[in-house]
């Protein structure tokens, strides 16, 4: 059985998808771009600030579902410019200090709303 997860503490979906879906003890969080959850506006700050915003939004969704960063088993990081990887990785590492999840990272041509970063997340209880 699947359960839709939604919280006002993370950006609302900008299309026909849910912030997250929980099914059989697994939480699937849709890709998060650096949107301010209060305004819905895209952050134009540097990549470190954008990464922190994305990770905090992921944290809000994890919390709403009763999970935490320690439950994350896989992430996929999409970057509009691979030269942002080192800076993104530095901030990302602040959230996963031990037992880091498996991860893929890719440079992509474009992201929604012209974002520089998108991270999708899977967590398991």
PDB file of N, CA and C in Angstrom:
ATOM      1  N   UNK A   1       0.841  -1.181   0.000  1.00  0.00           N
ATOM      2  CA  UNK A   1       0.000   0.000   0.000  1.00  0.00           C
ATOM      3  C   UNK A   1       0.884   1.240   0.000  1.00  0.00           C
ATOM      4  N   UNK A   2       0.535   2.220  -0.795  1.00  0.00           N
ATOM      5  CA  UNK A   2       1.335   3.428  -0.837  1.00  0.00           C
ATOM      6  C   UNK A   2       0.648   4.562  -0.096  1.00  0.00           C
ATOM      7  N   UNK A   3       1.492   5.439   0.460  1.00  0.00           N
ATOM      8  CA  UNK A   3       1.012   6.595   1.213  1.00  0.00           C
ATOM      9  C   UNK A   3       1.694   7.833   0.657  1.00  0.00           C
ATOM     10  N   UNK A   4       0.904   8.848   0.339  1.00  0.00           N
ATOM     11  CA  UNK A   4       1.446  10.114  -0.144  1.00  0.00           C
ATOM     12  C   UNK A   4       1.943  10.912   1.055  1.00  0.00           C
ATOM     13  N   UNK A   5       3.172  11.428   0.949  1.00  0.00           N
ATOM     14  CA  UNK A   5       3.761  12.264   1.999  1.00  0.00           C
ATOM     15  C   UNK A   5       3.817  13.693   1.479  1.00  0.00           C
ATOM     16  N   UNK A   6       3.344  14.621   2.298  1.00  0.00           N
ATOM     17  CA  UNK A   6       3.363  16.029   1.924  1.00  0.00           C
ATOM     18  C   UNK A   6       3.565  16.869   3.176  1.00  0.00           C
ATOM     19  N   UNK A   7       4.379  17.898   3.055  1.00  0.00           N
ATOM     20  CA  UNK A   7       4.613  18.812   4.163  1.00  0.00           C
ATOM     21  C   UNK A   7       4.727  20.237   3.637  1.00  0.00           C
ATOM     22  N   UNK A   8       4.198  21.209   4.366  1.00  0.00           N
ATOM     23  CA  UNK A   8       4.365  22.607   3.966  1.00  0.00           C
ATOM     24  C   UNK A   8       5.792  23.110   4.230  1.00  0.00           C
ATOM     25  N   UNK A   9       6.605  22.307   4.902  1.00  0.00           N
ATOM     26  CA  UNK A   9       7.979  22.694   5.223  1.00  0.00           C
ATOM     27  C   UNK A   9       8.964  22.419   4.091  1.00  0.00           C
ATOM     28  N   UNK A  10       8.453  21.895   2.986  1.00  0.00           N
ATOM     29  CA  UNK A  10       9.256  21.670   1.778  1.00  0.00           C
ATOM     30  C   UNK A  10       8.452  22.217   0.603  1.00  0.00           C
ATOM     31  N   UNK A  11       9.109  22.520  -0.507  1.00  0.00           N
ATOM     32  CA  UNK A  11       8.386  23.073  -1.659  1.00  0.00           C
ATOM     33  C   UNK A  11       7.280  22.141  -2.138  1.00  0.00           C
ATOM     34  N   UNK A  12       6.177  22.733  -2.508  1.00  0.00           N
ATOM     35  CA  UNK A  12       5.083  21.951  -3.061  1.00  0.00           C
ATOM     36  C   UNK A  12       5.467  21.498  -4.468  1.00  0.00           C
ATOM     37  N   UNK A  13       4.914  20.393  -4.891  1.00  0.00           N
ATOM     38  CA  UNK A  13       5.204  19.854  -6.219  1.00  0.00           C
ATOM     39  C   UNK A  13       4.831  20.880  -7.288  1.00  0.00           C
ATOM     40  N   UNK A  14       5.657  20.984  -8.329  1.00  0.00           N
ATOM     41  CA  UNK A  14       5.388  21.932  -9.416  1.00  0.00           C
ATOM     42  C   UNK A  14       4.851  21.213 -10.650  1.00  0.00           C
ATOM     43  N   UNK A  15       4.348  20.017 -10.438  1.00  0.00           N
ATOM     44  CA  UNK A  15       3.792  19.218 -11.520  1.00  0.00           C
ATOM     45  C   UNK A  15       2.953  18.093 -10.946  1.00  0.00           C
ATOM     46  N   UNK A  16       2.552  17.144 -11.783  1.00  0.00           N
ATOM     47  CA  UNK A  16       1.710  16.039 -11.330  1.00  0.00           C
ATOM     48  C   UNK A  16       2.520  14.930 -10.654  1.00  0.00           C
ATOM     49  N   UNK A  17       3.067  15.249  -9.502  1.00  0.00           N
ATOM     50  CA  UNK A  17       3.815  14.273  -8.709  1.00  0.00           C
ATOM     51  C   UNK A  17       3.681  14.638  -7.237  1.00  0.00           C
ATOM     52  N   UNK A  18       4.061  13.729  -6.363  1.00  0.00           N
ATOM     53  CA  UNK A  18       4.018  13.944  -4.915  1.00  0.00           C
ATOM     54  C   UNK A  18       5.404  14.300  -4.405  1.00  0.00           C
ATOM     55  N   UNK A  19       5.463  15.004  -3.281  1.00  0.00           N
ATOM     56  CA  UNK A  19       6.765  15.264  -2.657  1.00  0.00           C
ATOM     57  C   UNK A  19       7.455  13.939  -2.381  1.00  0.00           C
ATOM     58  N   UNK A  20       6.686  12.983  -1.885  1.00  0.00           N
ATOM     59  CA  UNK A  20       7.240  11.663  -1.587  1.00  0.00           C
ATOM     60  C   UNK A  20       6.113  10.636  -1.536  1.00  0.00           C
ATOM     61  N   UNK A  21       6.510   9.395  -1.717  1.00  0.00           N
ATOM     62  CA  UNK A  21       5.604   8.252  -1.581  1.00  0.00           C
ATOM     63  C   UNK A  21       6.282   7.247  -0.663  1.00  0.00           C
ATOM     64  N   UNK A  22       5.531   6.745   0.298  1.00  0.00           N
ATOM     65  CA  UNK A  22       6.031   5.675   1.157  1.00  0.00           C
ATOM     66  C   UNK A  22       5.304   4.395   0.777  1.00  0.00           C
ATOM     67  N   UNK A  23       6.053   3.322   0.588  1.00  0.00           N
ATOM     68  CA  UNK A  23       5.474   2.025   0.260  1.00  0.00           C
ATOM     69  C   UNK A  23       6.317   0.937   0.909  1.00  0.00           C
ATOM     70  N   UNK A  24       5.695   0.117   1.722  1.00  0.00           N
ATOM     71  CA  UNK A  24       6.356  -1.039   2.338  1.00  0.00           C
ATOM     72  C   UNK A  24       7.661  -0.681   3.043  1.00  0.00           C
ATOM     73  N   UNK A  25       7.655   0.387   3.834  1.00  0.00           N
ATOM     74  CA  UNK A  25       8.827   0.761   4.611  1.00  0.00           C
ATOM     75  C   UNK A  25       9.915   1.460   3.820  1.00  0.00           C
ATOM     76  N   UNK A  26       9.603   1.844   2.590  1.00  0.00           N
ATOM     77  CA  UNK A  26      10.555   2.573   1.764  1.00  0.00           C
ATOM     78  C   UNK A  26       9.944   3.919   1.391  1.00  0.00           C
ATOM     79  N   UNK A  27      10.740   4.969   1.521  1.00  0.00           N
ATOM     80  CA  UNK A  27      10.302   6.318   1.197  1.00  0.00           C
ATOM     81  C   UNK A  27      11.019   6.774  -0.068  1.00  0.00           C
ATOM     82  N   UNK A  28      10.256   7.178  -1.054  1.00  0.00           N
ATOM     83  CA  UNK A  28      10.784   7.663  -2.327  1.00  0.00           C
ATOM     84  C   UNK A  28      10.503   9.166  -2.397  1.00  0.00           C
ATOM     85  N   UNK A  29      11.548   9.974  -2.301  1.00  0.00           N
ATOM     86  CA  UNK A  29      11.385  11.425  -2.339  1.00  0.00           C
ATOM     87  C   UNK A  29      11.676  11.909  -3.751  1.00  0.00           C
ATOM     88  N   UNK A  30      10.731  12.638  -4.306  1.00  0.00           N
ATOM     89  CA  UNK A  30      10.912  13.203  -5.636  1.00  0.00           C
ATOM     90  C   UNK A  30      12.114  14.130  -5.651  1.00  0.00           C
ATOM     91  N   UNK A  31      12.691  14.302  -6.828  1.00  0.00           N
ATOM     92  CA  UNK A  31      13.827  15.189  -6.969  1.00  0.00           C
ATOM     93  C   UNK A  31      13.515  16.574  -6.441  1.00  0.00           C
ATOM     94  N   UNK A  32      14.402  17.070  -5.605  1.00  0.00           N
ATOM     95  CA  UNK A  32      14.232  18.393  -4.998  1.00  0.00           C
ATOM     96  C   UNK A  32      15.210  19.370  -5.638  1.00  0.00           C
ATOM     97  N   UNK A  33      14.677  20.496  -6.095  1.00  0.00           N
ATOM     98  CA  UNK A  33      15.512  21.569  -6.602  1.00  0.00           C
ATOM     99  C   UNK A  33      15.521  22.677  -5.556  1.00  0.00           C
ATOM    100  N   UNK A  34      16.418  23.654  -5.663  1.00  0.00           N
ATOM    101  CA  UNK A  34      16.537  24.672  -4.609  1.00  0.00           C
ATOM    102  C   UNK A  34      15.414  25.706  -4.620  1.00  0.00           C
ATOM    103  N   UNK A  35      14.228  25.248  -4.223  1.00  0.00           N
ATOM    104  CA  UNK A  35      13.081  26.139  -4.095  1.00  0.00           C
ATOM    105  C   UNK A  35      12.878  26.496  -2.627  1.00  0.00           C
ATOM    106  N   UNK A  36      12.601  27.749  -2.370  1.00  0.00           N
ATOM    107  CA  UNK A  36      12.260  28.194  -1.023  1.00  0.00           C
ATOM    108  C   UNK A  36      10.871  27.658  -0.699  1.00  0.00           C
ATOM    109  N   UNK A  37      10.710  26.898   0.374  1.00  0.00           N
ATOM    110  CA  UNK A  37       9.401  26.301   0.668  1.00  0.00           C
ATOM    111  C   UNK A  37       8.332  27.338   1.015  1.00  0.00           C
ATOM    112  N   UNK A  38       8.727  28.497   1.460  1.00  0.00           N
ATOM    113  CA  UNK A  38       7.756  29.535   1.820  1.00  0.00           C
ATOM    114  C   UNK A  38       7.246  30.303   0.602  1.00  0.00           C
ATOM    115  N   UNK A  39       8.130  30.564  -0.355  1.00  0.00           N
ATOM    116  CA  UNK A  39       7.754  31.387  -1.511  1.00  0.00           C
ATOM    117  C   UNK A  39       7.583  30.591  -2.793  1.00  0.00           C
ATOM    118  N   UNK A  40       8.187  29.412  -2.861  1.00  0.00           N
ATOM    119  CA  UNK A  40       8.164  28.622  -4.081  1.00  0.00           C
ATOM    120  C   UNK A  40       9.129  29.139  -5.134  1.00  0.00           C
ATOM    121  N   UNK A  41       9.941  30.140  -4.759  1.00  0.00           N
ATOM    122  CA  UNK A  41      10.880  30.741  -5.700  1.00  0.00           C
ATOM    123  C   UNK A  41      12.197  29.971  -5.730  1.00  0.00           C
ATOM    124  N   UNK A  42      12.814  29.925  -6.907  1.00  0.00           N
ATOM    125  CA  UNK A  42      14.106  29.275  -7.084  1.00  0.00           C
ATOM    126  C   UNK A  42      15.202  30.132  -6.477  1.00  0.00           C
ATOM    127  N   UNK A  43      16.069  29.518  -5.702  1.00  0.00           N
ATOM    128  CA  UNK A  43      17.217  30.223  -5.133  1.00  0.00           C
ATOM    129  C   UNK A  43      18.233  30.510  -6.230  1.00  0.00           C
ATOM    130  N   UNK A  44      18.766  31.715  -6.209  1.00  0.00           N
ATOM    131  CA  UNK A  44      19.820  32.082  -7.154  1.00  0.00           C
ATOM    132  C   UNK A  44      21.156  32.229  -6.431  1.00  0.00           C
ATOM    133  N   UNK A  45      21.217  31.754  -5.204  1.00  0.00           N
ATOM    134  CA  UNK A  45      22.446  31.819  -4.407  1.00  0.00           C
ATOM    135  C   UNK A  45      23.504  30.887  -5.004  1.00  0.00           C
ATOM    136  N   UNK A  46      24.688  30.877  -4.405  1.00  0.00           N
ATOM    137  CA  UNK A  46      25.765  30.007  -4.878  1.00  0.00           C
ATOM    138  C   UNK A  46      25.381  28.541  -4.678  1.00  0.00           C
ATOM    139  N   UNK A  47      26.119  27.646  -5.309  1.00  0.00           N
ATOM    140  CA  UNK A  47      25.771  26.221  -5.304  1.00  0.00           C
ATOM    141  C   UNK A  47      25.794  25.630  -3.896  1.00  0.00           C
ATOM    142  N   UNK A  48      26.659  26.113  -3.023  1.00  0.00           N
ATOM    143  CA  UNK A  48      26.671  25.599  -1.649  1.00  0.00           C
ATOM    144  C   UNK A  48      25.364  25.938  -0.942  1.00  0.00           C
ATOM    145  N   UNK A  49      24.904  27.165  -1.078  1.00  0.00           N
ATOM    146  CA  UNK A  49      23.634  27.570  -0.457  1.00  0.00           C
ATOM    147  C   UNK A  49      22.464  26.818  -1.077  1.00  0.00           C
ATOM    148  N   UNK A  50      22.518  26.626  -2.392  1.00  0.00           N
ATOM    149  CA  UNK A  50      21.454  25.873  -3.051  1.00  0.00           C
ATOM    150  C   UNK A  50      21.430  24.425  -2.577  1.00  0.00           C
ATOM    151  N   UNK A  51      22.600  23.834  -2.412  1.00  0.00           N
ATOM    152  CA  UNK A  51      22.677  22.449  -1.928  1.00  0.00           C
ATOM    153  C   UNK A  51      22.124  22.360  -0.513  1.00  0.00           C
ATOM    154  N   UNK A  52      22.473  23.310   0.328  1.00  0.00           N
ATOM    155  CA  UNK A  52      21.966  23.315   1.704  1.00  0.00           C
ATOM    156  C   UNK A  52      20.438  23.423   1.714  1.00  0.00           C
ATOM    157  N   UNK A  53      19.877  24.270   0.858  1.00  0.00           N
ATOM    158  CA  UNK A  53      18.422  24.409   0.769  1.00  0.00           C
ATOM    159  C   UNK A  53      17.782  23.100   0.315  1.00  0.00           C
ATOM    160  N   UNK A  54      18.345  22.474  -0.701  1.00  0.00           N
ATOM    161  CA  UNK A  54      17.826  21.189  -1.179  1.00  0.00           C
ATOM    162  C   UNK A  54      17.889  20.144  -0.063  1.00  0.00           C
ATOM    163  N   UNK A  55      19.021  20.062   0.618  1.00  0.00           N
ATOM    164  CA  UNK A  55      19.170  19.059   1.686  1.00  0.00           C
ATOM    165  C   UNK A  55      18.212  19.333   2.850  1.00  0.00           C
ATOM    166  N   UNK A  56      17.995  20.595   3.176  1.00  0.00           N
ATOM    167  CA  UNK A  56      17.032  20.931   4.241  1.00  0.00           C
ATOM    168  C   UNK A  56      15.610  20.578   3.817  1.00  0.00           C
ATOM    169  N   UNK A  57      15.282  20.791   2.546  1.00  0.00           N
ATOM    170  CA  UNK A  57      13.962  20.410   2.051  1.00  0.00           C
ATOM    171  C   UNK A  57      13.784  18.893   2.100  1.00  0.00           C
ATOM    172  N   UNK A  58      14.821  18.165   1.743  1.00  0.00           N
ATOM    173  CA  UNK A  58      14.777  16.700   1.856  1.00  0.00           C
ATOM    174  C   UNK A  58      14.579  16.311   3.316  1.00  0.00           C
ATOM    175  N   UNK A  59      15.293  16.972   4.219  1.00  0.00           N
ATOM    176  CA  UNK A  59      15.148  16.702   5.646  1.00  0.00           C
ATOM    177  C   UNK A  59      13.734  16.936   6.138  1.00  0.00           C
ATOM    178  N   UNK A  60      13.077  17.978   5.636  1.00  0.00           N
ATOM    179  CA  UNK A  60      11.694  18.260   6.046  1.00  0.00           C
ATOM    180  C   UNK A  60      10.752  17.150   5.587  1.00  0.00           C
ATOM    181  N   UNK A  61      10.986  16.638   4.398  1.00  0.00           N
ATOM    182  CA  UNK A  61      10.149  15.547   3.893  1.00  0.00           C
ATOM    183  C   UNK A  61      10.435  14.267   4.665  1.00  0.00           C
ATOM    184  N   UNK A  62      11.703  13.982   4.918  1.00  0.00           N
ATOM    185  CA  UNK A  62      12.052  12.819   5.742  1.00  0.00           C
ATOM    186  C   UNK A  62      11.340  12.894   7.088  1.00  0.00           C
ATOM    187  N   UNK A  63      11.421  14.039   7.740  1.00  0.00           N
ATOM    188  CA  UNK A  63      10.805  14.225   9.058  1.00  0.00           C
ATOM    189  C   UNK A  63       9.291  14.035   8.997  1.00  0.00           C
ATOM    190  N   UNK A  64       8.661  14.594   7.977  1.00  0.00           N
ATOM    191  CA  UNK A  64       7.200  14.470   7.849  1.00  0.00           C
ATOM    192  C   UNK A  64       6.771  13.014   7.723  1.00  0.00           C
ATOM    193  N   UNK A  65       7.648  12.182   7.175  1.00  0.00           N
ATOM    194  CA  UNK A  65       7.336  10.763   6.990  1.00  0.00           C
ATOM    195  C   UNK A  65       7.824   9.899   8.150  1.00  0.00           C
ATOM    196  N   UNK A  66       8.507  10.528   9.133  1.00  0.00           N
ATOM    197  CA  UNK A  66       9.020   9.764  10.270  1.00  0.00           C
ATOM    198  C   UNK A  66      10.373   9.129  10.013  1.00  0.00           C
ATOM    199  N   UNK A  67      11.119   9.664   9.074  1.00  0.00           N
ATOM    200  CA  UNK A  67      12.453   9.177   8.733  1.00  0.00           C
ATOM    201  C   UNK A  67      13.485  10.238   9.101  1.00  0.00           C
ATOM    202  N   UNK A  68      14.750   9.897   8.907  1.00  0.00           N
ATOM    203  CA  UNK A  68      15.853  10.827   9.146  1.00  0.00           C
ATOM    204  C   UNK A  68      16.925  10.556   8.097  1.00  0.00           C
ATOM    205  N   UNK A  69      17.915  11.424   8.053  1.00  0.00           N
ATOM    206  CA  UNK A  69      19.011  11.243   7.099  1.00  0.00           C
ATOM    207  C   UNK A  69      19.683   9.882   7.263  1.00  0.00           C
ATOM    208  N   UNK A  70      19.723   9.347   8.478  1.00  0.00           N
ATOM    209  CA  UNK A  70      20.375   8.051   8.697  1.00  0.00           C
ATOM    210  C   UNK A  70      19.615   6.906   8.021  1.00  0.00           C
ATOM    211  N   UNK A  71      18.365   7.142   7.630  1.00  0.00           N
ATOM    212  CA  UNK A  71      17.571   6.126   6.946  1.00  0.00           C
ATOM    213  C   UNK A  71      17.767   6.150   5.423  1.00  0.00           C
ATOM    214  N   UNK A  72      18.467   7.152   4.916  1.00  0.00           N
ATOM    215  CA  UNK A  72      18.650   7.295   3.470  1.00  0.00           C
ATOM    216  C   UNK A  72      19.628   6.231   2.971  1.00  0.00           C
ATOM    217  N   UNK A  73      19.214   5.507   1.928  1.00  0.00           N
ATOM    218  CA  UNK A  73      20.044   4.437   1.370  1.00  0.00           C
ATOM    219  C   UNK A  73      20.575   4.766  -0.026  1.00  0.00           C
ATOM    220  N   UNK A  74      19.935   5.708  -0.739  1.00  0.00           N
ATOM    221  CA  UNK A  74      20.348   6.024  -2.110  1.00  0.00           C
ATOM    222  C   UNK A  74      19.925   7.436  -2.468  1.00  0.00           C
ATOM    223  N   UNK A  75      20.826   8.156  -3.110  1.00  0.00           N
ATOM    224  CA  UNK A  75      20.486   9.458  -3.671  1.00  0.00           C
ATOM    225  C   UNK A  75      20.976   9.520  -5.110  1.00  0.00           C
ATOM    226  N   UNK A  76      20.335  10.366  -5.874  1.00  0.00           N
ATOM    227  CA  UNK A  76      20.785  10.686  -7.220  1.00  0.00           C
ATOM    228  C   UNK A  76      20.897  12.201  -7.300  1.00  0.00           C
ATOM    229  N   UNK A  77      22.090  12.682  -7.623  1.00  0.00           N
ATOM    230  CA  UNK A  77      22.353  14.117  -7.705  1.00  0.00           C
ATOM    231  C   UNK A  77      22.509  14.493  -9.171  1.00  0.00           C
ATOM    232  N   UNK A  78      21.730  15.463  -9.598  1.00  0.00           N
ATOM    233  CA  UNK A  78      21.784  15.955 -10.966  1.00  0.00           C
ATOM    234  C   UNK A  78      22.287  17.389 -10.930  1.00  0.00           C
ATOM    235  N   UNK A  79      23.310  17.665 -11.716  1.00  0.00           N
ATOM    236  CA  UNK A  79      23.926  18.987 -11.743  1.00  0.00           C
ATOM    237  C   UNK A  79      23.866  19.556 -13.157  1.00  0.00           C
ATOM    238  N   UNK A  80      23.510  20.819 -13.254  1.00  0.00           N
ATOM    239  CA  UNK A  80      23.503  21.480 -14.554  1.00  0.00           C
ATOM    240  C   UNK A  80      24.930  21.743 -15.040  1.00  0.00           C
ATOM    241  N   UNK A  81      25.863  21.800 -14.092  1.00  0.00           N
ATOM    242  CA  UNK A  81      27.268  22.048 -14.435  1.00  0.00           C
ATOM    243  C   UNK A  81      28.133  21.169 -13.530  1.00  0.00           C
ATOM    244  N   UNK A  82      28.829  20.206 -14.103  1.00  0.00           N
ATOM    245  CA  UNK A  82      29.621  19.265 -13.298  1.00  0.00           C
ATOM    246  C   UNK A  82      30.725  19.976 -12.524  1.00  0.00           C
ATOM    247  N   UNK A  83      31.096  21.177 -12.921  1.00  0.00           N
ATOM    248  CA  UNK A  83      32.110  21.916 -12.157  1.00  0.00           C
ATOM    249  C   UNK A  83      31.590  22.322 -10.780  1.00  0.00           C
ATOM    250  N   UNK A  84      30.271  22.215 -10.535  1.00  0.00           N
ATOM    251  CA  UNK A  84      29.693  22.472  -9.212  1.00  0.00           C
ATOM    252  C   UNK A  84      29.806  21.268  -8.289  1.00  0.00           C
ATOM    253  N   UNK A  85      30.297  20.131  -8.809  1.00  0.00           N
ATOM    254  CA  UNK A  85      30.296  18.890  -8.038  1.00  0.00           C
ATOM    255  C   UNK A  85      31.036  19.007  -6.710  1.00  0.00           C
ATOM    256  N   UNK A  86      32.250  19.520  -6.697  1.00  0.00           N
ATOM    257  CA  UNK A  86      33.045  19.576  -5.461  1.00  0.00           C
ATOM    258  C   UNK A  86      32.352  20.406  -4.386  1.00  0.00           C
ATOM    259  N   UNK A  87      31.820  21.554  -4.750  1.00  0.00           N
ATOM    260  CA  UNK A  87      31.135  22.413  -3.778  1.00  0.00           C
ATOM    261  C   UNK A  87      29.851  21.755  -3.285  1.00  0.00           C
ATOM    262  N   UNK A  88      29.096  21.140  -4.202  1.00  0.00           N
ATOM    263  CA  UNK A  88      27.885  20.424  -3.802  1.00  0.00           C
ATOM    264  C   UNK A  88      28.243  19.287  -2.860  1.00  0.00           C
ATOM    265  N   UNK A  89      29.287  18.543  -3.200  1.00  0.00           N
ATOM    266  CA  UNK A  89      29.702  17.385  -2.423  1.00  0.00           C
ATOM    267  C   UNK A  89      30.121  17.776  -1.005  1.00  0.00           C
ATOM    268  N   UNK A  90      30.765  18.925  -0.872  1.00  0.00           N
ATOM    269  CA  UNK A  90      31.189  19.403   0.449  1.00  0.00           C
ATOM    270  C   UNK A  90      29.988  19.612   1.367  1.00  0.00           C
ATOM    271  N   UNK A  91      28.957  20.286   0.869  1.00  0.00           N
ATOM    272  CA  UNK A  91      27.753  20.523   1.677  1.00  0.00           C
ATOM    273  C   UNK A  91      26.991  19.225   1.885  1.00  0.00           C
ATOM    274  N   UNK A  92      26.834  18.433   0.852  1.00  0.00           N
ATOM    275  CA  UNK A  92      26.149  17.140   0.933  1.00  0.00           C
ATOM    276  C   UNK A  92      26.742  16.297   2.059  1.00  0.00           C
ATOM    277  N   UNK A  93      28.069  16.292   2.154  1.00  0.00           N
ATOM    278  CA  UNK A  93      28.763  15.513   3.178  1.00  0.00           C
ATOM    279  C   UNK A  93      28.455  15.945   4.597  1.00  0.00           C
ATOM    280  N   UNK A  94      28.017  17.181   4.799  1.00  0.00           N
ATOM    281  CA  UNK A  94      27.629  17.652   6.128  1.00  0.00           C
ATOM    282  C   UNK A  94      26.397  16.921   6.645  1.00  0.00           C
ATOM    283  N   UNK A  95      25.594  16.395   5.746  1.00  0.00           N
ATOM    284  CA  UNK A  95      24.344  15.730   6.117  1.00  0.00           C
ATOM    285  C   UNK A  95      24.526  14.219   6.265  1.00  0.00           C
ATOM    286  N   UNK A  96      25.592  13.681   5.699  1.00  0.00           N
ATOM    287  CA  UNK A  96      25.868  12.244   5.764  1.00  0.00           C
ATOM    288  C   UNK A  96      27.296  12.042   6.245  1.00  0.00           C
ATOM    289  N   UNK A  97      27.507  12.228   7.540  1.00  0.00           N
ATOM    290  CA  UNK A  97      28.855  12.148   8.111  1.00  0.00           C
ATOM    291  C   UNK A  97      29.347  10.706   8.255  1.00  0.00           C
ATOM    292  N   UNK A  98      28.439   9.783   8.553  1.00  0.00           N
ATOM    293  CA  UNK A  98      28.786   8.361   8.667  1.00  0.00           C
ATOM    294  C   UNK A  98      27.749   7.538   7.916  1.00  0.00           C
ATOM    295  N   UNK A  99      28.133   6.362   7.510  1.00  0.00           N
ATOM    296  CA  UNK A  99      27.224   5.460   6.790  1.00  0.00           C
ATOM    297  C   UNK A  99      26.504   6.179   5.657  1.00  0.00           C
ATOM    298  N   UNK A 100      27.272   6.855   4.831  1.00  0.00           N
ATOM    299  CA  UNK A 100      26.695   7.604   3.713  1.00  0.00           C
ATOM    300  C   UNK A 100      25.915   6.677   2.791  1.00  0.00           C
ATOM    301  N   UNK A 101      24.856   7.199   2.167  1.00  0.00           N
ATOM    302  CA  UNK A 101      24.081   6.364   1.249  1.00  0.00           C
ATOM    303  C   UNK A 101      24.834   6.123  -0.055  1.00  0.00           C
ATOM    304  N   UNK A 102      24.377   5.142  -0.787  1.00  0.00           N
ATOM    305  CA  UNK A 102      24.867   4.962  -2.154  1.00  0.00           C
ATOM    306  C   UNK A 102      24.430   6.201  -2.935  1.00  0.00           C
ATOM    307  N   UNK A 103      25.214   6.559  -3.972  1.00  0.00           N
ATOM    308  CA  UNK A 103      24.880   7.790  -4.689  1.00  0.00           C
ATOM    309  C   UNK A 103      25.349   7.708  -6.132  1.00  0.00           C
ATOM    310  N   UNK A 104      24.567   8.333  -6.996  1.00  0.00           N
ATOM    311  CA  UNK A 104      24.964   8.593  -8.375  1.00  0.00           C
ATOM    312  C   UNK A 104      24.960  10.100  -8.545  1.00  0.00           C
ATOM    313  N   UNK A 105      25.841  10.602  -9.389  1.00  0.00           N
ATOM    314  CA  UNK A 105      25.855  12.037  -9.690  1.00  0.00           C
ATOM    315  C   UNK A 105      26.090  12.195 -11.183  1.00  0.00           C
ATOM    316  N   UNK A 106      25.297  13.046 -11.788  1.00  0.00           N
ATOM    317  CA  UNK A 106      25.358  13.248 -13.230  1.00  0.00           C
ATOM    318  C   UNK A 106      25.306  14.725 -13.565  1.00  0.00           C
ATOM    319  N   UNK A 107      25.943  15.087 -14.648  1.00  0.00           N
ATOM    320  CA  UNK A 107      25.725  16.393 -15.261  1.00  0.00           C
ATOM    321  C   UNK A 107      24.615  16.195 -16.294  1.00  0.00           C
ATOM    322  N   UNK A 108      23.659  17.104 -16.299  1.00  0.00           N
ATOM    323  CA  UNK A 108      22.532  17.023 -17.224  1.00  0.00           C
ATOM    324  C   UNK A 108      22.422  18.330 -18.002  1.00  0.00           C
ATOM    325  N   UNK A 109      21.733  18.285 -19.098  1.00  0.00           N
ATOM    326  CA  UNK A 109      21.626  19.463 -19.955  1.00  0.00           C
ATOM    327  C   UNK A 109      20.820  20.570 -19.292  1.00  0.00           C
ATOM    328  N   UNK A 110      19.644  20.244 -18.751  1.00  0.00           N
ATOM    329  CA  UNK A 110      18.752  21.229 -18.133  1.00  0.00           C
ATOM    330  C   UNK A 110      18.013  20.596 -16.964  1.00  0.00           C
ATOM    331  N   UNK A 111      17.623  21.447 -16.026  1.00  0.00           N
ATOM    332  CA  UNK A 111      16.800  21.019 -14.894  1.00  0.00           C
ATOM    333  C   UNK A 111      15.568  21.924 -14.822  1.00  0.00           C
ATOM    334  N   UNK A 112      14.498  21.480 -14.149  1.00  0.00           N
ATOM    335  CA  UNK A 112      13.293  22.303 -14.058  1.00  0.00           C
ATOM    336  C   UNK A 112      13.590  23.702 -13.509  1.00  0.00           C
ATOM    337  N   UNK A 113      12.902  24.683 -14.060  1.00  0.00           N
ATOM    338  CA  UNK A 113      12.993  26.085 -13.648  1.00  0.00           C
ATOM    339  C   UNK A 113      14.390  26.682 -13.797  1.00  0.00           C
ATOM    340  N   UNK A 114      15.264  25.995 -14.530  1.00  0.00           N
ATOM    341  CA  UNK A 114      16.624  26.489 -14.690  1.00  0.00           C
ATOM    342  C   UNK A 114      17.508  26.244 -13.480  1.00  0.00           C
ATOM    343  N   UNK A 115      17.108  25.299 -12.620  1.00  0.00           N
ATOM    344  CA  UNK A 115      17.884  24.985 -11.406  1.00  0.00           C
ATOM    345  C   UNK A 115      19.271  24.462 -11.786  1.00  0.00           C
ATOM    346  N   UNK A 116      20.211  24.633 -10.876  1.00  0.00           N
ATOM    347  CA  UNK A 116      21.576  24.122 -11.074  1.00  0.00           C
ATOM    348  C   UNK A 116      21.759  22.749 -10.439  1.00  0.00           C
ATOM    349  N   UNK A 117      20.781  22.318  -9.612  1.00  0.00           N
ATOM    350  CA  UNK A 117      20.933  21.112  -8.807  1.00  0.00           C
ATOM    351  C   UNK A 117      19.572  20.473  -8.566  1.00  0.00           C
ATOM    352  N   UNK A 118      19.526  19.151  -8.598  1.00  0.00           N
ATOM    353  CA  UNK A 118      18.344  18.386  -8.185  1.00  0.00           C
ATOM    354  C   UNK A 118      18.844  17.122  -7.512  1.00  0.00           C
ATOM    355  N   UNK A 119      18.227  16.770  -6.385  1.00  0.00           N
ATOM    356  CA  UNK A 119      18.592  15.543  -5.670  1.00  0.00           C
ATOM    357  C   UNK A 119      17.326  14.756  -5.358  1.00  0.00           C
ATOM    358  N   UNK A 120      17.312  13.484  -5.787  1.00  0.00           N
ATOM    359  CA  UNK A 120      16.229  12.583  -5.391  1.00  0.00           C
ATOM    360  C   UNK A 120      16.771  11.607  -4.361  1.00  0.00           C
ATOM    361  N   UNK A 121      15.883  11.097  -3.535  1.00  0.00           N
ATOM    362  CA  UNK A 121      16.321  10.361  -2.343  1.00  0.00           C
ATOM    363  C   UNK A 121      15.418   9.156  -2.082  1.00  0.00           C
ATOM    364  N   UNK A 122      16.031   8.055  -1.644  1.00  0.00           N
ATOM    365  CA  UNK A 122      15.300   6.874  -1.206  1.00  0.00           C
ATOM    366  C   UNK A 122      15.768   6.540   0.209  1.00  0.00           C
ATOM    367  N   UNK A 123      14.809   6.339   1.104  1.00  0.00           N
ATOM    368  CA  UNK A 123      15.101   5.998   2.490  1.00  0.00           C
ATOM    369  C   UNK A 123      14.334   4.737   2.871  1.00  0.00           C
ATOM    370  N   UNK A 124      14.897   3.953   3.777  1.00  0.00           N
ATOM    371  CA  UNK A 124      14.287   2.686   4.203  1.00  0.00           C
ATOM    372  C   UNK A 124      14.317   2.600   5.712  1.00  0.00           C
ATOM    373  N   UNK A 125      13.245   2.123   6.292  1.00  0.00           N
ATOM    374  CA  UNK A 125      13.169   1.889   7.745  1.00  0.00           C
ATOM    375  C   UNK A 125      13.478   0.443   8.016  1.00  0.00           C
TER     376      UNK A 125
END
